[in-house]
């Protein structure tokens, strides 16, 4: 396969993979879109959509192996890069989403973590409520 044909095939496959990944992300956005402010928004798991992007990345990896076997290195390298990018981004986002969903929610305005044990003070005041540094805030 000559260089121009490899370029055309590589570009076509990249455009196809980007379109499929964008479709999966848009479906995720559409599923989580909630316009009715009177009812609570349903929880939408990102897992199926991110796994679809991962499958696209695995398909790109398979294409890289196939075209590498045919000695079409231009297509093989670009498909390998797309496989790494799509799979890595989707799995990283999935890991972050599952990590964030495991956190416990606290009531609005109450701090979590180390600042939960500190007494409340003015924002931006290092030494507490009653110092000259916070006089402009009323403290």
Protein backbone atom coordinates (compact mmCIF):
# COMPACT_ATOMS: atom_id res chain seq x y z
CA UNK A 1 0.00 0.00 0.00
CA UNK A 2 1.50 3.31 -1.03
CA UNK A 3 1.86 6.34 1.24
CA UNK A 4 -1.14 8.28 -0.07
CA UNK A 5 -3.47 5.31 0.35
CA UNK A 6 -2.20 4.77 3.90
CA UNK A 7 -2.79 8.44 4.69
CA UNK A 8 -6.33 8.28 3.31
CA UNK A 9 -7.17 5.10 5.20
CA UNK A 10 -5.64 6.37 8.44
CA UNK A 11 -7.53 9.65 8.19
CA UNK A 12 -10.80 7.87 7.41
CA UNK A 13 -10.42 5.54 10.39
CA UNK A 14 -9.53 8.43 12.74
CA UNK A 15 -12.58 10.42 11.62
CA UNK A 16 -14.80 7.34 12.07
CA UNK A 17 -13.45 6.65 15.56
CA UNK A 18 -13.81 10.28 16.65
CA UNK A 19 -17.39 10.36 15.35
CA UNK A 20 -18.27 7.15 17.21
CA UNK A 21 -16.69 8.40 20.43
CA UNK A 22 -18.50 11.73 20.08
CA UNK A 23 -21.78 9.87 19.54
CA UNK A 24 -21.23 7.87 22.74
CA UNK A 25 -20.44 11.03 24.73
CA UNK A 26 -23.46 12.84 23.26
CA UNK A 27 -25.70 9.91 24.20
CA UNK A 28 -24.34 10.14 27.75
CA UNK A 29 -25.05 13.88 27.77
CA UNK A 30 -28.55 13.32 26.41
CA UNK A 31 -29.31 10.68 29.02
CA UNK A 32 -28.16 12.92 31.87
CA UNK A 33 -29.85 16.07 30.56
CA UNK A 34 -32.67 17.06 32.90
CA UNK A 35 -34.62 20.21 32.16
CA UNK A 36 -37.45 19.87 34.69
CA UNK A 37 -36.32 21.79 37.75
CA UNK A 38 -39.30 20.64 39.80
CA UNK A 39 -38.16 17.04 40.04
CA UNK A 40 -34.76 15.68 41.06
CA UNK A 41 -32.48 14.63 38.24
CA UNK A 42 -32.05 10.88 37.85
CA UNK A 43 -28.60 9.42 38.41
CA UNK A 44 -27.06 8.35 35.11
CA UNK A 45 -24.12 6.00 35.28
CA UNK A 46 -21.34 6.88 32.84
CA UNK A 47 -20.14 3.28 32.75
CA UNK A 48 -21.98 2.04 29.63
CA UNK A 49 -21.02 5.10 27.61
CA UNK A 50 -17.38 5.01 28.67
CA UNK A 51 -17.20 1.29 28.02
CA UNK A 52 -18.50 2.00 24.50
CA UNK A 53 -15.60 4.44 24.01
CA UNK A 54 -13.26 1.78 25.39
CA UNK A 55 -14.64 -0.71 22.85
CA UNK A 56 -13.93 1.79 20.07
CA UNK A 57 -10.36 2.05 21.38
CA UNK A 58 -10.01 -1.74 21.43
CA UNK A 59 -11.27 -1.82 17.84
CA UNK A 60 -8.61 0.73 16.91
CA UNK A 61 -6.02 -1.49 18.59
CA UNK A 62 -7.21 -4.46 16.57
CA UNK A 63 -6.96 -2.38 13.40
CA UNK A 64 -3.40 -1.42 14.38
CA UNK A 65 -2.43 -5.07 14.74
CA UNK A 66 -4.09 -6.05 11.45
CA UNK A 67 -2.51 -3.22 9.44
CA UNK A 68 0.83 -3.75 11.14
CA UNK A 69 0.76 -7.33 9.92
CA UNK A 70 0.21 -6.03 6.40
CA UNK A 71 3.22 -3.68 6.78
CA UNK A 72 1.08 -0.56 6.44
CA UNK A 73 2.95 1.24 9.21
CA UNK A 74 1.26 4.61 8.70
CA UNK A 75 -2.15 3.11 9.46
CA UNK A 76 -0.82 0.85 12.20
CA UNK A 77 0.89 3.66 14.12
CA UNK A 78 -2.05 6.06 13.92
CA UNK A 79 -4.49 3.34 14.97
CA UNK A 80 -2.22 2.38 17.85
CA UNK A 81 -2.17 5.98 19.03
CA UNK A 82 -5.96 6.23 18.75
CA UNK A 83 -6.31 2.98 20.68
CA UNK A 84 -4.14 4.28 23.50
CA UNK A 85 -5.86 7.67 23.58
CA UNK A 86 -9.45 6.40 23.48
CA UNK A 87 -8.96 3.50 25.85
CA UNK A 88 -6.83 5.47 28.29
CA UNK A 89 -9.17 8.46 28.39
CA UNK A 90 -12.29 6.33 28.80
CA UNK A 91 -10.85 4.09 31.52
CA UNK A 92 -9.37 7.06 33.41
CA UNK A 93 -12.70 8.89 33.29
CA UNK A 94 -14.50 5.73 34.40
CA UNK A 95 -12.09 5.29 37.31
CA UNK A 96 -12.58 8.92 38.36
CA UNK A 97 -16.36 8.64 38.07
CA UNK A 98 -16.52 5.51 40.22
CA UNK A 99 -14.09 7.06 42.72
CA UNK A 100 -16.24 10.19 43.03
CA UNK A 101 -19.47 8.20 43.38
CA UNK A 102 -18.01 6.37 46.39
CA UNK A 103 -17.68 9.56 48.42
CA UNK A 104 -20.23 10.28 51.07
CA UNK A 105 -22.31 13.37 50.62
CA UNK A 106 -22.54 15.89 53.43
CA UNK A 107 -25.25 18.45 54.01
CA UNK A 108 -24.84 21.60 51.96
CA UNK A 109 -22.35 23.96 53.48
CA UNK A 110 -20.83 21.57 56.00
CA UNK A 111 -17.16 20.92 55.48
CA UNK A 112 -15.69 17.48 55.04
CA UNK A 113 -12.16 16.38 55.69
CA UNK A 114 -9.63 18.10 57.97
CA UNK A 115 -11.42 21.44 57.93
CA UNK A 116 -14.50 19.85 59.56
CA UNK A 117 -12.82 19.94 63.00
CA UNK A 118 -11.78 23.60 62.75
CA UNK A 119 -14.03 26.27 64.23
CA UNK A 120 -15.85 28.38 61.67
CA UNK A 121 -14.12 31.63 60.79
CA UNK A 122 -14.20 34.33 58.20
CA UNK A 123 -13.11 33.35 54.75
CA UNK A 124 -9.59 34.55 54.11
CA UNK A 125 -8.74 35.16 57.77
CA UNK A 126 -5.74 33.15 58.88
CA UNK A 127 -5.94 33.91 62.58
CA UNK A 128 -9.66 33.62 63.24
CA UNK A 129 -12.61 35.94 63.52
CA UNK A 130 -11.24 38.56 65.94
CA UNK A 131 -8.12 40.01 64.37
CA UNK A 132 -7.16 43.25 62.67
CA UNK A 133 -6.53 41.29 59.51
CA UNK A 134 -10.27 40.56 59.24
CA UNK A 135 -11.55 43.98 60.31
CA UNK A 136 -12.73 44.79 56.80
CA UNK A 137 -14.94 41.68 56.93
CA UNK A 138 -16.60 42.66 60.19
CA UNK A 139 -14.55 40.27 62.35
